[in-house]
C-alpha atoms as a PDB file:
ATOM      1  CA  MET A   1      -2.148 -34.539  -6.228  1.00  0.00           C
ATOM      2  CA  LYS A   2      -4.006 -33.576  -9.364  1.00  0.00           C
ATOM      3  CA  LYS A   3      -2.745 -30.494 -11.175  1.00  0.00           C
ATOM      4  CA  TYR A   4      -5.557 -28.087 -11.999  1.00  0.00           C
ATOM      5  CA  GLU A   5      -5.112 -25.239 -14.450  1.00  0.00           C
ATOM      6  CA  LEU A   6      -7.540 -22.821 -16.020  1.00  0.00           C
ATOM      7  CA  GLU A   7      -7.042 -20.994 -19.271  1.00  0.00           C
ATOM      8  CA  LEU A   8      -6.630 -17.267 -18.722  1.00  0.00           C
ATOM      9  CA  THR A   9      -9.911 -16.101 -20.216  1.00  0.00           C
ATOM     10  CA  GLU A  10     -12.228 -13.330 -19.103  1.00  0.00           C
ATOM     11  CA  ASP A  11     -14.947 -15.893 -18.309  1.00  0.00           C
ATOM     12  CA  ASN A  12     -12.622 -18.029 -16.142  1.00  0.00           C
ATOM     13  CA  ILE A  13     -11.331 -14.979 -14.276  1.00  0.00           C
ATOM     14  CA  ARG A  14     -14.892 -13.820 -13.590  1.00  0.00           C
ATOM     15  CA  LYS A  15     -15.961 -17.289 -12.367  1.00  0.00           C
ATOM     16  CA  THR A  16     -12.908 -17.577 -10.100  1.00  0.00           C
ATOM     17  CA  ILE A  17     -13.630 -14.214  -8.484  1.00  0.00           C
ATOM     18  CA  GLU A  18     -17.338 -14.971  -8.105  1.00  0.00           C
ATOM     19  CA  ASN A  19     -16.761 -18.428  -6.559  1.00  0.00           C
ATOM     20  CA  ASN A  20     -14.341 -17.025  -3.939  1.00  0.00           C
ATOM     21  CA  ILE A  21     -13.427 -20.541  -2.777  1.00  0.00           C
ATOM     22  CA  LEU A  22     -10.650 -19.380  -0.435  1.00  0.00           C
ATOM     23  CA  GLY A  23     -12.515 -16.306   0.794  1.00  0.00           C
ATOM     24  CA  ARG A  24      -9.818 -13.890  -0.370  1.00  0.00           C
ATOM     25  CA  ASN A  25     -11.607 -12.061  -3.167  1.00  0.00           C
ATOM     26  CA  ASN A  26     -13.430  -9.410  -1.127  1.00  0.00           C
ATOM     27  CA  ASN A  27     -10.474  -7.018  -1.318  1.00  0.00           C
ATOM     28  CA  LEU A  28     -10.064  -7.726  -5.029  1.00  0.00           C
ATOM     29  CA  VAL A  29     -13.717  -6.882  -5.679  1.00  0.00           C
ATOM     30  CA  MET A  30     -13.428  -3.667  -3.649  1.00  0.00           C
ATOM     31  CA  LEU A  31     -10.277  -2.675  -5.585  1.00  0.00           C
ATOM     32  CA  GLY A  32     -12.036  -3.348  -8.900  1.00  0.00           C
ATOM     33  CA  LYS A  33     -15.009  -1.191  -7.902  1.00  0.00           C
ATOM     34  CA  MET A  34     -12.686   1.602  -6.791  1.00  0.00           C
ATOM     35  CA  LEU A  35     -10.779   1.524 -10.094  1.00  0.00           C
ATOM     36  CA  LEU A  36     -13.978   1.552 -12.147  1.00  0.00           C
ATOM     37  CA  ASN A  37     -15.174   4.667 -10.300  1.00  0.00           C
ATOM     38  CA  GLN A  38     -11.991   6.741 -10.772  1.00  0.00           C
ATOM     39  CA  ASN A  39     -12.255   9.859 -12.906  1.00  0.00           C
ATOM     40  CA  GLU A  40      -8.626  10.916 -12.508  1.00  0.00           C
ATOM     41  CA  ASN A  41      -5.213   9.279 -12.812  1.00  0.00           C
ATOM     42  CA  ILE A  42      -4.153   7.390  -9.689  1.00  0.00           C
ATOM     43  CA  MET A  43      -1.028   5.590  -8.543  1.00  0.00           C
ATOM     44  CA  LEU A  44      -1.236   2.255  -6.722  1.00  0.00           C
ATOM     45  CA  ILE A  45       1.589   1.065  -4.492  1.00  0.00           C
ATOM     46  CA  PHE A  46       1.487  -2.524  -3.276  1.00  0.00           C
ATOM     47  CA  LEU A  47       3.702  -3.439  -0.353  1.00  0.00           C
END
């Protein structure tokens, strides 16, 4: 099995989210949009 690693750069993160190869990025995109539209402090709790 070939090991595949990407450098942690803004461009690589953006491409990974846009490609959505595993189909799991929809929630991540929705969370990003929500955070960008916040005008007040919020607390996030991940379970």
